[in-house]
Protein backbone atom coordinates (compact mmCIF):
# COMPACT_ATOMS: atom_id res chain seq x y z
CA MET A 1 12.31 -33.66 -57.17
CA ASP A 2 15.18 -34.82 -54.82
CA ARG A 3 16.66 -33.07 -52.13
CA LEU A 4 19.77 -31.57 -54.34
CA GLU A 5 17.56 -30.67 -56.78
CA ALA A 6 14.90 -29.01 -54.32
CA LEU A 7 17.91 -27.11 -53.08
CA ARG A 8 19.21 -26.20 -56.28
CA ALA A 9 15.90 -24.84 -57.11
CA ALA A 10 15.93 -22.61 -53.84
CA VAL A 11 19.48 -21.13 -54.18
CA GLY A 12 20.65 -21.86 -57.75
CA ALA A 13 22.76 -24.60 -59.07
CA ALA A 14 26.11 -22.64 -58.61
CA GLN A 15 25.21 -22.32 -55.02
CA VAL A 16 24.97 -26.25 -54.05
CA LEU A 17 28.30 -27.53 -53.73
CA THR A 18 28.64 -31.48 -53.67
CA GLY A 19 31.83 -33.73 -54.16
CA ALA A 20 35.23 -32.10 -53.71
CA ASP A 21 33.68 -28.99 -54.20
CA ALA A 22 32.25 -29.16 -50.80
CA GLN A 23 35.10 -30.95 -48.95
CA ALA A 24 37.09 -27.85 -47.92
CA TYR A 25 34.07 -26.73 -45.88
CA ALA A 26 34.07 -30.06 -44.01
CA THR A 27 37.36 -29.51 -42.40
CA ASP A 28 37.69 -27.33 -39.36
CA TRP A 29 40.78 -24.54 -39.59
CA ARG A 30 42.79 -26.50 -36.89
CA GLU A 31 42.49 -29.45 -39.30
CA ARG A 32 40.94 -31.32 -36.03
CA TYR A 33 37.90 -32.23 -37.23
CA HIS A 34 37.02 -33.85 -40.83
CA GLY A 35 33.48 -34.45 -41.80
CA ASN A 36 31.32 -35.34 -44.85
CA ALA A 37 28.40 -33.26 -45.68
CA LEU A 38 25.30 -33.88 -48.38
CA ALA A 39 26.14 -30.63 -49.77
CA VAL A 40 27.36 -27.24 -49.00
CA VAL A 41 24.75 -24.68 -49.75
CA ARG A 42 24.94 -20.85 -50.14
CA PRO A 43 21.97 -18.84 -49.83
CA GLY A 44 22.09 -15.10 -50.73
CA SER A 45 19.23 -13.64 -48.74
CA THR A 46 17.33 -14.57 -45.61
CA ASP A 47 14.30 -15.52 -47.59
CA GLU A 48 16.73 -18.05 -49.21
CA VAL A 49 18.19 -19.30 -45.67
CA ALA A 50 14.49 -19.85 -44.77
CA THR A 51 13.39 -21.72 -47.81
CA VAL A 52 16.68 -24.09 -47.12
CA VAL A 53 16.00 -24.71 -43.75
CA ARG A 54 12.06 -25.59 -44.40
CA LEU A 55 13.28 -28.18 -47.07
CA CYS A 56 15.59 -29.54 -44.64
CA ALA A 57 12.98 -29.62 -41.97
CA GLN A 58 10.69 -31.65 -44.20
CA ALA A 59 13.45 -34.06 -45.07
CA SER A 60 14.51 -34.25 -41.40
CA VAL A 61 18.36 -33.53 -43.10
CA PRO A 62 20.60 -32.01 -40.21
CA ILE A 63 21.93 -28.12 -40.72
CA VAL A 64 25.29 -27.15 -40.02
CA PRO A 65 25.32 -23.42 -40.16
CA GLN A 66 28.95 -22.04 -40.93
CA GLY A 67 30.57 -18.40 -41.39
CA GLY A 68 34.33 -18.31 -41.98
CA ASN A 69 35.17 -21.51 -40.43
CA THR A 70 37.78 -20.24 -38.06
CA GLY A 71 36.37 -21.94 -34.74
CA LEU A 72 38.36 -23.76 -32.73
CA CYS A 73 36.00 -26.16 -31.19
CA GLY A 74 34.64 -28.07 -34.18
CA GLY A 75 31.13 -26.23 -33.95
CA ALA A 76 30.72 -25.61 -37.77
CA THR A 77 31.95 -29.28 -38.94
CA PRO A 78 29.66 -31.75 -39.72
CA ASP A 79 29.94 -35.41 -38.81
CA ASP A 80 31.16 -38.23 -41.22
CA SER A 81 27.72 -39.69 -42.11
CA GLY A 82 27.18 -37.34 -45.25
CA ARG A 83 23.77 -36.54 -44.30
CA ALA A 84 24.26 -33.26 -43.08
CA VAL A 85 23.61 -29.92 -45.11
CA ILE A 86 26.49 -27.44 -44.28
CA LEU A 87 24.79 -23.81 -44.71
CA SER A 88 27.42 -21.39 -45.47
CA LEU A 89 26.30 -17.58 -45.00
CA GLN A 90 29.48 -16.29 -46.82
CA ARG A 91 27.36 -14.69 -49.48
CA MET A 92 25.31 -12.94 -47.14
CA ASN A 93 27.83 -10.03 -46.60
CA ARG A 94 25.97 -6.88 -46.83
CA ILE A 95 26.24 -3.77 -44.52
CA ARG A 96 22.52 -3.26 -44.70
CA GLY A 97 22.57 0.27 -43.43
CA ILE A 98 24.62 2.68 -40.73
CA ASP A 99 22.58 5.09 -38.39
CA THR A 100 25.23 7.37 -36.94
CA ASP A 101 22.38 9.22 -34.65
CA ASN A 102 21.63 5.99 -32.98
CA ASP A 103 25.32 4.54 -33.42
CA THR A 104 24.37 1.60 -34.86
CA MET A 105 24.98 -0.65 -38.11
CA GLU A 106 23.08 -3.37 -39.82
CA ALA A 107 24.84 -6.05 -40.94
CA GLU A 108 24.38 -9.55 -42.57
CA ALA A 109 25.81 -12.77 -40.98
CA GLY A 110 28.34 -13.26 -43.77
CA CYS A 111 30.20 -9.99 -43.20
CA ILE A 112 33.62 -10.18 -42.57
CA LEU A 113 34.47 -8.61 -39.04
CA GLN A 114 37.10 -7.02 -40.95
CA ALA A 115 34.75 -5.36 -43.75
CA VAL A 116 32.67 -4.06 -40.60
CA GLN A 117 35.27 -2.70 -38.78
CA GLN A 118 36.06 -0.51 -41.87
CA ALA A 119 32.51 0.36 -42.71
CA ALA A 120 32.36 1.76 -39.15
CA ARG A 121 35.44 3.31 -39.54
CA ASP A 122 34.29 4.92 -42.98
CA ALA A 123 31.12 6.42 -40.86
CA GLY A 124 33.01 8.06 -38.22
CA ARG A 125 32.35 5.68 -35.98
CA LEU A 126 34.13 2.43 -34.18
CA PHE A 127 32.87 -0.98 -33.82
CA PRO A 128 35.34 -2.40 -31.25
CA LEU A 129 35.38 -6.06 -31.58
CA SER A 130 38.99 -7.20 -32.39
CA LEU A 131 40.09 -10.56 -32.97
CA ALA A 132 43.40 -12.44 -34.37
CA ALA A 133 41.11 -13.84 -37.18
CA GLU A 134 39.36 -10.71 -38.08
CA GLY A 135 40.12 -10.88 -41.45
CA SER A 136 38.26 -13.93 -42.14
CA CYS A 137 36.07 -14.53 -39.43
CA THR A 138 32.18 -13.52 -39.84
CA ILE A 139 29.54 -11.75 -37.77
CA GLY A 140 27.49 -14.67 -37.53
CA GLY A 141 30.35 -16.50 -36.36
CA ASN A 142 31.39 -14.05 -33.87
CA LEU A 143 27.71 -13.94 -32.69
CA ALA A 144 27.02 -17.60 -32.64
CA THR A 145 30.29 -18.29 -30.22
CA ASN A 146 29.86 -15.04 -28.34
CA ALA A 147 33.16 -13.80 -29.46
CA GLY A 148 35.25 -11.72 -26.94
CA GLY A 149 38.70 -10.53 -28.20
CA THR A 150 41.10 -7.93 -27.02
CA GLN A 151 38.68 -5.08 -26.09
CA VAL A 152 36.21 -6.87 -24.04
CA LEU A 153 37.74 -4.97 -20.93
CA ARG A 154 36.11 -1.88 -22.37
CA TYR A 155 33.28 -2.93 -24.50
CA GLY A 156 32.22 -6.40 -23.51
CA ASN A 157 31.62 -9.41 -25.66
CA MET A 158 29.49 -9.82 -28.70
CA ARG A 159 26.34 -10.36 -26.73
CA GLU A 160 27.02 -6.61 -25.62
CA LEU A 161 27.88 -5.46 -28.90
CA ALA A 162 24.24 -6.41 -30.70
CA LEU A 163 21.28 -4.71 -29.90
CA GLY A 164 19.13 -6.84 -32.24
CA VAL A 165 19.43 -9.95 -34.47
CA GLU A 166 17.56 -11.78 -37.51
CA VAL A 167 17.07 -15.43 -37.19
CA VAL A 168 15.75 -18.05 -39.00
CA THR A 169 13.98 -20.87 -36.57
CA ALA A 170 14.29 -24.41 -37.20
CA GLN A 171 11.05 -24.42 -38.68
CA GLY A 172 12.05 -22.01 -41.17
CA ASP A 173 10.23 -19.03 -40.07
CA ILE A 174 12.04 -15.96 -39.83
CA TRP A 175 12.08 -13.51 -36.58
CA HIS A 176 12.50 -10.07 -37.80
CA GLY A 177 14.55 -8.95 -34.26
CA LEU A 178 16.74 -6.11 -35.43
CA ARG A 179 15.84 -3.67 -32.99
CA GLY A 180 18.50 -0.86 -32.44
CA LEU A 181 17.23 -0.04 -28.93
CA ARG A 182 19.38 0.22 -25.73
CA LYS A 183 15.85 -0.19 -23.67
CA ASP A 184 13.45 -2.90 -24.51
CA ASN A 185 11.78 -4.49 -21.46
CA THR A 186 8.98 -6.47 -23.54
CA GLY A 187 9.36 -10.07 -22.41
CA TYR A 188 11.99 -12.71 -22.49
CA ASP A 189 15.39 -11.26 -24.22
CA LEU A 190 15.44 -13.98 -27.18
CA ARG A 191 18.53 -12.26 -28.14
CA ASP A 192 20.59 -13.45 -25.76
CA LEU A 193 19.29 -17.02 -26.36
CA PHE A 194 20.47 -17.01 -29.76
CA VAL A 195 23.58 -15.40 -29.47
CA GLY A 196 26.34 -17.91 -28.18
CA SER A 197 23.86 -20.82 -29.26
CA GLU A 198 26.85 -22.09 -32.00
CA GLY A 199 23.82 -22.77 -34.57
CA THR A 200 22.06 -25.14 -32.40
CA LEU A 201 18.73 -23.09 -31.75
CA GLY A 202 18.53 -21.30 -35.18
CA VAL A 203 20.28 -19.53 -37.97
CA ILE A 204 21.46 -15.51 -37.19
CA THR A 205 21.30 -14.15 -40.53
CA ALA A 206 22.04 -10.43 -39.49
CA ALA A 207 22.23 -7.97 -36.62
CA THR A 208 22.20 -4.71 -35.54
CA LEU A 209 25.32 -3.91 -34.01
CA LYS A 210 26.44 -1.16 -31.46
CA LEU A 211 28.90 1.45 -32.79
CA TYR A 212 31.00 3.69 -30.71
CA PRO A 213 32.99 7.18 -31.30
CA LEU A 214 36.15 7.01 -32.81
CA PRO A 215 38.93 7.82 -30.11
CA ALA A 216 41.04 10.73 -30.62
CA ALA A 217 44.15 8.82 -29.87
CA HIS A 218 45.46 5.45 -28.73
CA CYS A 219 48.41 4.67 -26.63
CA THR A 220 50.15 1.30 -26.73
CA ALA A 221 52.91 -0.05 -24.52
CA LEU A 222 54.65 -3.31 -23.84
CA LEU A 223 55.61 -3.91 -20.19
CA ALA A 224 58.08 -6.38 -18.83
CA VAL A 225 56.72 -7.97 -15.20
CA GLU A 226 58.43 -10.39 -12.85
CA SER A 227 55.34 -12.65 -12.06
CA ILE A 228 51.52 -12.55 -12.92
CA GLU A 229 51.00 -11.08 -9.30
CA ALA A 230 52.79 -7.93 -10.41
CA ALA A 231 50.60 -7.98 -13.96
CA VAL A 232 47.55 -7.83 -11.66
CA ALA A 233 48.92 -5.20 -9.44
CA VAL A 234 49.64 -2.92 -12.70
CA LEU A 235 45.76 -3.77 -13.96
CA SER A 236 44.42 -2.54 -10.77
CA ARG A 237 46.69 0.65 -11.12
CA ALA A 238 45.64 1.13 -14.63
CA ARG A 239 41.90 0.59 -13.79
CA SER A 240 41.96 3.21 -10.94
CA GLY A 241 44.04 5.74 -13.34
CA LEU A 242 42.92 5.17 -16.47
CA GLY A 243 39.21 4.25 -16.28
CA ALA A 244 37.21 3.57 -18.88
CA SER A 245 39.51 4.51 -21.29
CA LEU A 246 41.94 1.28 -20.59
CA THR A 247 40.94 -0.77 -23.92
CA GLY A 248 43.25 -3.69 -23.91
CA PHE A 249 45.33 -5.62 -21.29
CA GLU A 250 47.04 -8.52 -22.94
CA LEU A 251 49.11 -10.94 -20.72
CA MET A 252 52.02 -12.99 -22.65
CA SER A 253 54.58 -15.76 -21.33
CA GLY A 254 57.90 -15.13 -22.16
CA ASP A 255 57.87 -18.20 -23.76
CA CYS A 256 55.08 -16.96 -26.35
CA LEU A 257 57.10 -14.10 -27.43
CA GLN A 258 60.26 -16.18 -27.81
CA LEU A 259 58.35 -18.64 -29.94
CA VAL A 260 56.79 -15.68 -32.38
CA ALA A 261 60.65 -14.44 -32.65
CA GLN A 262 61.87 -18.26 -33.75
CA ARG A 263 58.82 -18.98 -36.07
CA PHE A 264 58.98 -15.20 -37.47
CA PRO A 265 62.47 -13.76 -37.23
CA GLN A 266 61.37 -10.56 -38.54
CA GLN A 267 59.04 -9.77 -35.29
CA ARG A 268 61.58 -9.38 -32.41
CA PRO A 269 60.28 -8.17 -28.87
CA PRO A 270 61.51 -4.74 -28.17
CA PHE A 271 63.73 -5.45 -25.32
CA ASP A 272 67.51 -5.96 -24.57
CA GLY A 273 69.50 -7.40 -21.64
CA PRO A 274 67.54 -9.05 -18.75
CA SER A 275 64.24 -7.41 -19.98
CA ALA A 276 64.33 -9.79 -22.91
CA THR A 277 64.30 -12.77 -20.90
CA LEU A 278 61.76 -12.15 -18.14
CA PRO A 279 58.64 -14.77 -17.92
CA TRP A 280 55.72 -12.50 -18.15
CA TYR A 281 54.60 -9.42 -20.57
CA VAL A 282 51.94 -7.29 -20.61
CA LEU A 283 50.35 -5.01 -23.70
CA MET A 284 48.57 -2.35 -22.67
CA GLU A 285 46.52 -0.03 -24.70
CA VAL A 286 44.64 3.14 -23.89
CA SER A 287 41.99 4.73 -26.02
CA ASP A 288 41.40 8.67 -25.42
CA SER A 289 38.92 11.06 -26.36
CA GLU A 290 40.80 14.19 -26.35
CA SER A 291 44.52 13.89 -28.06
CA GLU A 292 47.20 11.82 -28.44
CA ALA A 293 49.30 14.11 -25.70
CA HIS A 294 46.60 13.97 -23.34
CA ALA A 295 46.70 10.19 -23.62
CA ARG A 296 50.31 9.52 -23.74
CA GLU A 297 50.89 11.54 -20.49
CA ARG A 298 47.89 9.77 -18.49
CA PHE A 299 49.52 6.85 -19.98
CA GLU A 300 53.15 7.76 -18.74
CA VAL A 301 51.94 8.68 -15.51
CA VAL A 302 50.38 5.12 -14.77
CA VAL A 303 53.56 3.10 -16.31
CA GLY A 304 55.84 5.44 -14.43
CA GLU A 305 54.20 4.99 -10.94
CA ALA A 306 54.28 0.93 -11.70
CA ILE A 307 57.66 1.24 -12.36
CA GLU A 308 58.39 3.19 -9.21
CA ALA A 309 56.20 0.78 -7.09
CA GLY A 310 58.37 -2.07 -8.75
CA GLN A 311 55.42 -3.73 -10.67
CA VAL A 312 57.17 -2.99 -13.62
CA ARG A 313 60.87 -4.10 -14.81
CA ASP A 314 60.96 -2.42 -17.90
CA ALA A 315 58.51 -0.78 -20.74
CA VAL A 316 58.66 0.32 -24.48
CA ILE A 317 55.74 2.91 -25.18
CA ALA A 318 55.06 2.95 -29.05
CA GLY A 319 55.85 6.25 -30.19
CA SER A 320 54.03 5.87 -33.61
CA LEU A 321 51.10 4.03 -34.87
CA ALA A 322 53.59 1.66 -36.79
CA GLN A 323 55.24 0.80 -33.79
CA SER A 324 51.55 0.18 -31.65
CA HIS A 325 50.75 -2.00 -34.67
CA ALA A 326 54.04 -3.73 -34.43
CA LEU A 327 53.34 -4.58 -30.71
CA TRP A 328 50.08 -6.13 -31.42
CA HIS A 329 51.25 -7.84 -34.07
CA LEU A 330 53.45 -9.89 -31.68
CA ARG A 331 50.72 -10.50 -29.38
CA GLU A 332 48.06 -11.72 -32.88
CA SER A 333 51.23 -13.66 -34.09
CA ILE A 334 51.06 -16.02 -31.05
CA PRO A 335 48.31 -18.30 -32.29
CA MET A 336 49.74 -18.55 -35.64
CA ALA A 337 53.54 -19.41 -34.03
CA GLU A 338 51.86 -22.27 -32.04
CA LYS A 339 50.15 -23.75 -34.96
CA GLU A 340 53.65 -23.90 -37.47
CA THR A 341 55.35 -26.14 -34.30
CA GLY A 342 52.37 -28.53 -34.36
CA LYS A 343 49.33 -29.23 -32.72
CA SER A 344 48.89 -28.45 -29.03
CA ILE A 345 45.99 -28.77 -26.09
CA LYS A 346 44.24 -25.65 -26.09
CA HIS A 347 42.20 -24.30 -23.37
CA ASP A 348 40.17 -21.24 -23.25
CA ILE A 349 39.35 -20.56 -20.14
CA SER A 350 38.29 -17.78 -17.69
CA ILE A 351 39.39 -17.39 -14.16
CA PRO A 352 38.70 -14.62 -11.61
CA VAL A 353 41.26 -12.36 -11.94
CA SER A 354 41.88 -12.40 -8.37
CA ARG A 355 43.03 -16.02 -8.51
CA MET A 356 44.66 -15.76 -11.72
CA ALA A 357 48.01 -16.20 -10.24
CA GLU A 358 47.71 -18.88 -8.13
CA PHE A 359 45.86 -21.08 -10.85
CA VAL A 360 48.69 -20.84 -13.23
CA ARG A 361 51.39 -21.47 -10.77
CA GLY A 362 49.40 -24.58 -9.34
CA THR A 363 48.63 -25.88 -12.87
CA ASN A 364 52.16 -25.48 -14.24
CA ALA A 365 53.01 -27.68 -11.36
CA ALA A 366 50.52 -30.10 -11.68
CA LEU A 367 50.96 -30.65 -15.37
CA GLN A 368 54.80 -31.25 -14.78
CA ALA A 369 54.29 -33.86 -12.04
CA ALA A 370 51.90 -35.50 -14.30
CA PHE A 371 53.28 -35.31 -17.82
CA PRO A 372 56.86 -34.35 -17.49
CA GLY A 373 58.61 -32.03 -19.80
CA ILE A 374 55.54 -30.72 -21.35
CA ARG A 375 55.52 -26.95 -22.39
CA ASN A 376 53.25 -24.26 -21.71
CA VAL A 377 52.04 -21.70 -24.14
CA ILE A 378 50.18 -19.16 -22.25
CA PHE A 379 48.30 -15.71 -22.94
CA GLY A 380 45.19 -14.14 -22.99
CA HIS A 381 43.24 -11.45 -22.15
CA LEU A 382 44.01 -10.81 -18.28
CA GLY A 383 41.93 -7.74 -18.38
CA ASP A 384 38.86 -9.72 -18.35
CA GLY A 385 39.82 -13.10 -17.03
CA ASN A 386 40.26 -15.17 -20.02
CA LEU A 387 43.65 -17.02 -20.36
CA HIS A 388 44.42 -19.10 -23.63
CA TYR A 389 46.05 -22.11 -21.63
CA ASN A 390 47.76 -24.17 -24.28
CA VAL A 391 49.69 -27.35 -23.59
CA ALA A 392 52.35 -28.11 -26.19
CA ARG A 393 55.02 -30.94 -26.76
CA GLY A 394 58.50 -30.45 -25.07
CA GLU A 395 61.56 -31.60 -26.76
CA ASP A 396 61.21 -35.26 -25.06
CA TRP A 397 57.59 -35.67 -26.38
CA THR A 398 56.39 -36.29 -30.32
CA GLU A 399 52.82 -34.62 -30.96
CA ALA A 400 51.23 -38.28 -30.85
CA GLN A 401 52.55 -38.81 -27.54
CA LEU A 402 50.73 -35.56 -26.54
CA LEU A 403 47.67 -35.91 -28.31
CA ALA A 404 47.51 -39.44 -26.73
CA ARG A 405 47.34 -37.82 -23.29
CA GLN A 406 45.12 -35.05 -24.70
CA GLU A 407 41.82 -35.80 -22.19
CA ASP A 408 44.27 -36.84 -19.16
CA VAL A 409 45.31 -33.36 -19.80
CA TYR A 410 41.95 -31.58 -20.60
CA THR A 411 40.84 -33.24 -17.14
CA LEU A 412 43.45 -32.27 -15.20
CA VAL A 413 43.21 -28.30 -16.42
CA HIS A 414 39.73 -28.45 -16.37
CA ASP A 415 39.06 -29.82 -12.89
CA ARG A 416 41.51 -26.77 -11.65
CA VAL A 417 39.54 -24.43 -13.81
CA HIS A 418 35.92 -25.51 -11.90
CA ALA A 419 37.86 -25.49 -8.56
CA ALA A 420 38.81 -22.02 -8.82
CA GLY A 421 35.65 -20.87 -9.67
CA GLY A 422 36.29 -20.52 -13.20
CA SER A 423 34.62 -21.65 -16.50
CA ILE A 424 36.05 -24.21 -19.64
CA SER A 425 35.06 -21.93 -22.27
CA ALA A 426 35.33 -18.07 -22.26
CA GLU A 427 34.90 -17.08 -25.87
CA HIS A 428 35.69 -19.89 -28.18
CA GLY A 429 32.23 -21.89 -27.31
CA ILE A 430 31.75 -25.80 -27.08
CA GLY A 431 31.18 -27.25 -30.27
CA GLN A 432 32.42 -30.67 -30.36
CA LEU A 433 35.40 -30.05 -28.26
CA LYS A 434 33.87 -29.41 -25.01
CA ARG A 435 30.33 -31.06 -25.75
CA ASP A 436 30.79 -34.38 -23.43
CA VAL A 437 32.50 -33.00 -20.72
CA LEU A 438 30.26 -29.89 -20.21
CA PRO A 439 28.23 -31.82 -17.75
CA ARG A 440 30.98 -32.35 -15.43
CA TYR A 441 31.27 -28.58 -14.96
CA LYS A 442 27.80 -27.07 -15.35
CA ASP A 443 25.16 -27.47 -12.81
CA PRO A 444 22.52 -30.54 -13.20
CA VAL A 445 19.56 -28.08 -13.25
CA GLU A 446 21.15 -26.02 -15.86
CA MET A 447 21.92 -28.71 -18.30
CA ALA A 448 18.53 -29.55 -17.78
CA LEU A 449 17.10 -26.21 -18.45
CA MET A 450 19.54 -25.95 -21.79
CA HIS A 451 18.33 -29.64 -22.86
CA LYS A 452 14.94 -28.21 -22.48
CA ILE A 453 15.53 -25.09 -24.80
CA LYS A 454 16.99 -26.78 -27.65
CA VAL A 455 13.82 -29.39 -27.43
CA ALA A 456 11.26 -26.49 -27.60
CA LEU A 457 13.23 -24.27 -30.31
CA ASP A 458 14.41 -27.72 -32.82
CA PRO A 459 12.33 -30.29 -31.36
CA ASP A 460 13.39 -32.41 -34.45
CA GLY A 461 17.11 -31.67 -33.76
CA ILE A 462 18.41 -30.72 -37.03
CA MET A 463 20.09 -27.87 -36.00
CA ASN A 464 23.77 -28.35 -35.89
CA PRO A 465 23.28 -31.99 -34.05
CA GLY A 466 26.13 -33.29 -32.04
CA LYS A 467 27.48 -29.46 -30.90
CA VAL A 468 27.33 -27.75 -27.55
CA LEU A 469 24.61 -30.78 -26.11
CA ALA A 470 25.15 -34.48 -26.54
CA ALA A 471 21.83 -36.01 -27.67
CA PRO A 472 19.73 -37.09 -24.82
CA SER A 473 20.28 -40.89 -23.91
CA ALA A 474 17.40 -43.13 -25.02
């Protein structure tokens, strides 16, 4: 029995795709990476995943786990050798159970994030992870990259939202780690090892997720500010005045909102006059456990004080759920508007909030000095120090000219991130995109430990090879 026949016997012939049927899975969302695969295999259960992994391990066939294929660093795309099997978890999309007394949900890796959010709401609970790609990204991919999103400020990254995981190891064994415990001090935390490993250590097939009470009300506002320093001051004021009810604090440059308005004319920022042309805007949200009136009262006090202190030039507070959605839609449309203008050089970075303004100002100036006429597209989660600091072509640049300088741009920006005590990857992962530069910014001992973990758990190197860690030199 050859490899494909064995895989068909394991999961059914209809769930093993080859040729043109497999090609869509071999290109990433940004269309930056194009690979080839021996086959796309779509198991329907954890046992089938384990069987597929065992078959691949026996034949030394590389495995590339894939969820919704919405990643931005090429972590779910195979190389062009055609040797690898893409292991698609999309059929594993069941909510296995919800325990409202324990505030947990057990969900399979192929569950679409939006479906998990809805299942939680239907049970009177909140699953707080929220991303622009939530209609297509999967829980497995969110776990594999330790996704963040817009509410990390209150609820944490995906690692904080998962109590337990079920994993198929590189040998095809199943680790039944779906614990619903907040406290478990029985040795090494293997959950945290697999979360964020981008499929390089094993395949996450399910997770036990934390749920929270549904807020009684939300209040959302768009604030116009003169500078990042002013936005940071408002953040500090909001943390003091709103505490844990502050769930979102997003920073957007004026250029970002203008780009959205150009590409999607039906979406226009709600400001007129001078406030419509300020350099920075903040989208702030509060979730309240009491009532809408209580939320709005607390919100208006904080925003009013910020206006009186000269930190906020203008503010629009949503008066309805529809208006709140419209404000969030502005923020969530930035990546799509950016994509429609052509390829850009993306940076997913984290910087100490106290050094954010200095970093942006200095890096903008350094980029203009080195690459005159380029354009910055800057937005992100200021509340947790995560910026999507992107570089797009200016009027005098072609897309090809910009991409030809990509490595130089990366080096300049990442060097400045490192000097500011930041990280070159905040929530997108490493994948292929940052694999080769990672050693430049990580402690050598840290890199050595990561390689030792990889060898210990995947000694044959079949799990998502070429991602996160470069192959050790001979």
